[in-house]
Amino acid sequence: MEHELPPLQDVLGKLPWFTELTRDHRATLLGEITERLVYETSRDEFTELLLRWSQIAHQDSKWRRFSQLRNSGLLGEAAA
């Protein structure tokens, strides 16, 4: 019996930073990985790709927190 691999998103979902990506960034990452699987990318290239995307996830997370603070009114205009 052939062993079936889990969907790519399930595998990536186990990375601690994957959920910090915006929806658009997740879709882009999935597309990039799918494309690289077709061309048999090396392990080093995959590592570089995932490291780059972990930095993007970190930025997405920072912007999301900033937006939440701004929307809550905690980052209002400074008093004159």
N, C-alpha and C. Protein backbone atom coordinates (compact mmCIF):
# COMPACT_ATOMS: atom_id res chain seq x y z
N MET A 1 0.85 -1.18 0.00
CA MET A 1 0.00 0.00 0.00
C MET A 1 0.89 1.24 0.00
N GLU A 2 0.59 2.17 -0.89
CA GLU A 2 1.38 3.39 -1.00
C GLU A 2 1.01 4.36 0.13
N HIS A 3 2.04 4.99 0.70
CA HIS A 3 1.82 5.93 1.79
C HIS A 3 1.54 7.32 1.23
N GLU A 4 0.41 7.90 1.59
CA GLU A 4 0.01 9.19 1.04
C GLU A 4 0.53 10.32 1.93
N LEU A 5 1.09 11.35 1.29
CA LEU A 5 1.61 12.51 2.03
C LEU A 5 0.47 13.44 2.41
N PRO A 6 0.60 14.13 3.55
CA PRO A 6 -0.44 15.09 3.93
C PRO A 6 -0.40 16.31 3.01
N PRO A 7 -1.49 17.05 2.92
CA PRO A 7 -1.48 18.27 2.11
C PRO A 7 -0.39 19.23 2.57
N LEU A 8 0.16 19.98 1.63
CA LEU A 8 1.26 20.90 1.91
C LEU A 8 0.91 21.89 3.02
N GLN A 9 -0.31 22.42 3.01
CA GLN A 9 -0.70 23.39 4.03
C GLN A 9 -0.69 22.77 5.42
N ASP A 10 -1.03 21.49 5.54
CA ASP A 10 -0.98 20.81 6.85
C ASP A 10 0.46 20.73 7.35
N VAL A 11 1.38 20.44 6.44
CA VAL A 11 2.79 20.35 6.81
C VAL A 11 3.30 21.72 7.23
N LEU A 12 3.03 22.74 6.41
CA LEU A 12 3.51 24.09 6.72
C LEU A 12 2.86 24.62 7.99
N GLY A 13 1.63 24.22 8.26
CA GLY A 13 0.93 24.67 9.46
C GLY A 13 1.63 24.27 10.75
N LYS A 14 2.53 23.31 10.67
CA LYS A 14 3.29 22.89 11.85
C LYS A 14 4.46 23.81 12.15
N LEU A 15 4.81 24.69 11.20
CA LEU A 15 5.85 25.67 11.45
C LEU A 15 5.29 26.73 12.40
N PRO A 16 6.03 27.12 13.43
CA PRO A 16 5.48 28.03 14.43
C PRO A 16 5.09 29.40 13.87
N TRP A 17 5.68 29.82 12.79
CA TRP A 17 5.41 31.15 12.25
C TRP A 17 4.39 31.16 11.11
N PHE A 18 3.97 30.01 10.61
CA PHE A 18 3.09 29.97 9.44
C PHE A 18 1.79 30.72 9.66
N THR A 19 1.21 30.59 10.84
CA THR A 19 -0.08 31.26 11.10
C THR A 19 0.07 32.76 11.25
N GLU A 20 1.29 33.25 11.39
CA GLU A 20 1.50 34.70 11.48
C GLU A 20 1.45 35.37 10.11
N LEU A 21 1.55 34.59 9.05
CA LEU A 21 1.48 35.15 7.70
C LEU A 21 0.06 35.61 7.39
N THR A 22 -0.04 36.67 6.61
CA THR A 22 -1.35 37.08 6.12
C THR A 22 -1.87 36.00 5.17
N ARG A 23 -3.13 36.03 4.89
CA ARG A 23 -3.73 35.05 3.97
C ARG A 23 -3.06 35.12 2.60
N ASP A 24 -2.82 36.33 2.10
CA ASP A 24 -2.17 36.48 0.80
C ASP A 24 -0.75 35.92 0.82
N HIS A 25 -0.04 36.18 1.91
CA HIS A 25 1.32 35.66 2.01
C HIS A 25 1.34 34.13 2.10
N ARG A 26 0.38 33.56 2.80
CA ARG A 26 0.30 32.09 2.86
C ARG A 26 0.10 31.51 1.47
N ALA A 27 -0.79 32.13 0.71
CA ALA A 27 -1.05 31.65 -0.65
C ALA A 27 0.20 31.78 -1.52
N THR A 28 0.92 32.88 -1.39
CA THR A 28 2.14 33.07 -2.16
C THR A 28 3.19 32.04 -1.78
N LEU A 29 3.35 31.80 -0.48
CA LEU A 29 4.31 30.80 -0.01
C LEU A 29 3.96 29.42 -0.56
N LEU A 30 2.70 29.05 -0.48
CA LEU A 30 2.27 27.74 -1.01
C LEU A 30 2.58 27.63 -2.50
N GLY A 31 2.35 28.71 -3.22
CA GLY A 31 2.66 28.72 -4.66
C GLY A 31 4.15 28.56 -4.93
N GLU A 32 4.97 29.27 -4.15
CA GLU A 32 6.42 29.18 -4.34
C GLU A 32 6.92 27.77 -4.03
N ILE A 33 6.43 27.18 -2.97
CA ILE A 33 6.87 25.83 -2.61
C ILE A 33 6.41 24.82 -3.65
N THR A 34 5.17 24.94 -4.09
CA THR A 34 4.66 24.03 -5.10
C THR A 34 5.51 24.11 -6.37
N GLU A 35 5.85 25.33 -6.77
CA GLU A 35 6.69 25.52 -7.95
C GLU A 35 8.06 24.88 -7.76
N ARG A 36 8.63 25.04 -6.59
CA ARG A 36 9.96 24.48 -6.32
C ARG A 36 9.91 22.95 -6.26
N LEU A 37 8.81 22.38 -5.82
CA LEU A 37 8.68 20.92 -5.80
C LEU A 37 8.71 20.35 -7.21
N VAL A 38 8.11 21.08 -8.14
CA VAL A 38 8.08 20.64 -9.53
C VAL A 38 9.50 20.60 -10.10
N TYR A 39 10.33 21.56 -9.71
CA TYR A 39 11.69 21.65 -10.25
C TYR A 39 12.74 21.01 -9.37
N GLU A 40 12.33 20.22 -8.38
CA GLU A 40 13.23 19.49 -7.50
C GLU A 40 14.32 20.39 -6.90
N THR A 41 13.88 21.37 -6.17
CA THR A 41 14.77 22.32 -5.51
C THR A 41 15.59 21.61 -4.43
N SER A 42 16.82 22.07 -4.23
CA SER A 42 17.69 21.45 -3.23
C SER A 42 17.22 21.79 -1.82
N ARG A 43 17.69 21.01 -0.88
CA ARG A 43 17.36 21.23 0.53
C ARG A 43 17.82 22.62 0.99
N ASP A 44 19.00 23.04 0.56
CA ASP A 44 19.52 24.37 0.92
C ASP A 44 18.61 25.48 0.40
N GLU A 45 18.13 25.32 -0.83
CA GLU A 45 17.23 26.33 -1.40
C GLU A 45 15.91 26.37 -0.63
N PHE A 46 15.38 25.21 -0.23
CA PHE A 46 14.17 25.18 0.58
C PHE A 46 14.40 25.85 1.93
N THR A 47 15.55 25.59 2.52
CA THR A 47 15.89 26.21 3.81
C THR A 47 15.91 27.73 3.67
N GLU A 48 16.56 28.23 2.62
CA GLU A 48 16.60 29.68 2.39
C GLU A 48 15.20 30.24 2.19
N LEU A 49 14.40 29.53 1.43
CA LEU A 49 13.02 29.96 1.19
C LEU A 49 12.24 30.07 2.50
N LEU A 50 12.33 29.03 3.33
CA LEU A 50 11.59 29.04 4.60
C LEU A 50 12.13 30.09 5.56
N LEU A 51 13.42 30.32 5.57
CA LEU A 51 13.98 31.38 6.43
C LEU A 51 13.49 32.75 5.98
N ARG A 52 13.46 32.96 4.67
CA ARG A 52 12.96 34.25 4.15
C ARG A 52 11.50 34.45 4.54
N TRP A 53 10.70 33.40 4.41
CA TRP A 53 9.29 33.52 4.74
C TRP A 53 9.06 33.65 6.25
N SER A 54 9.94 33.11 7.05
CA SER A 54 9.80 33.30 8.50
C SER A 54 9.99 34.77 8.86
N GLN A 55 10.87 35.47 8.14
CA GLN A 55 11.05 36.90 8.36
C GLN A 55 9.82 37.69 7.90
N ILE A 56 9.24 37.29 6.81
CA ILE A 56 8.00 37.93 6.34
C ILE A 56 6.89 37.73 7.37
N ALA A 57 6.80 36.52 7.92
CA ALA A 57 5.79 36.23 8.95
C ALA A 57 6.01 37.12 10.17
N HIS A 58 7.26 37.33 10.54
CA HIS A 58 7.57 38.20 11.67
C HIS A 58 7.09 39.63 11.40
N GLN A 59 7.33 40.12 10.19
CA GLN A 59 6.86 41.46 9.82
C GLN A 59 5.33 41.52 9.80
N ASP A 60 4.68 40.50 9.25
CA ASP A 60 3.21 40.47 9.24
C ASP A 60 2.66 40.53 10.66
N SER A 61 3.30 39.79 11.56
CA SER A 61 2.86 39.75 12.96
C SER A 61 3.02 41.12 13.61
N LYS A 62 4.14 41.78 13.35
CA LYS A 62 4.36 43.12 13.93
C LYS A 62 3.33 44.11 13.42
N TRP A 63 3.04 44.09 12.12
CA TRP A 63 2.06 45.01 11.56
C TRP A 63 0.65 44.74 12.09
N ARG A 64 0.34 43.45 12.28
CA ARG A 64 -0.98 43.10 12.82
C ARG A 64 -1.13 43.64 14.25
N ARG A 65 -0.09 43.47 15.06
CA ARG A 65 -0.14 43.99 16.44
C ARG A 65 -0.22 45.51 16.45
N PHE A 66 0.54 46.16 15.58
CA PHE A 66 0.49 47.61 15.48
C PHE A 66 -0.91 48.08 15.11
N SER A 67 -1.52 47.42 14.13
CA SER A 67 -2.88 47.78 13.71
C SER A 67 -3.88 47.58 14.84
N GLN A 68 -3.73 46.49 15.60
CA GLN A 68 -4.63 46.25 16.73
C GLN A 68 -4.49 47.35 17.78
N LEU A 69 -3.28 47.77 18.07
CA LEU A 69 -3.07 48.85 19.04
C LEU A 69 -3.66 50.16 18.52
N ARG A 70 -3.44 50.46 17.26
CA ARG A 70 -3.96 51.69 16.67
C ARG A 70 -5.48 51.67 16.68
N ASN A 71 -6.08 50.54 16.29
CA ASN A 71 -7.54 50.43 16.24
C ASN A 71 -8.17 50.47 17.62
N SER A 72 -7.43 50.05 18.65
CA SER A 72 -7.98 50.07 20.00
C SER A 72 -7.90 51.46 20.62
N GLY A 73 -7.18 52.37 19.97
CA GLY A 73 -7.06 53.72 20.49
C GLY A 73 -5.84 53.90 21.40
N LEU A 74 -5.09 52.85 21.64
CA LEU A 74 -3.91 52.95 22.50
C LEU A 74 -2.78 53.71 21.84
N LEU A 75 -2.83 53.85 20.52
CA LEU A 75 -1.79 54.61 19.80
C LEU A 75 -2.40 55.88 19.23
N GLY A 76 -3.12 56.60 20.04
CA GLY A 76 -3.73 57.83 19.59
C GLY A 76 -2.70 58.93 19.39
N GLU A 77 -3.15 60.05 18.88
CA GLU A 77 -2.27 61.20 18.68
C GLU A 77 -1.74 61.69 20.02
N ALA A 78 -0.50 62.13 20.04
CA ALA A 78 0.11 62.65 21.27
C ALA A 78 -0.57 63.97 21.63
N ALA A 79 -0.78 64.17 22.93
CA ALA A 79 -1.42 65.41 23.39
C ALA A 79 -0.48 66.58 23.16
N ALA A 80 -1.04 67.70 22.72
CA ALA A 80 -0.23 68.89 22.44
C ALA A 80 0.16 69.61 23.70
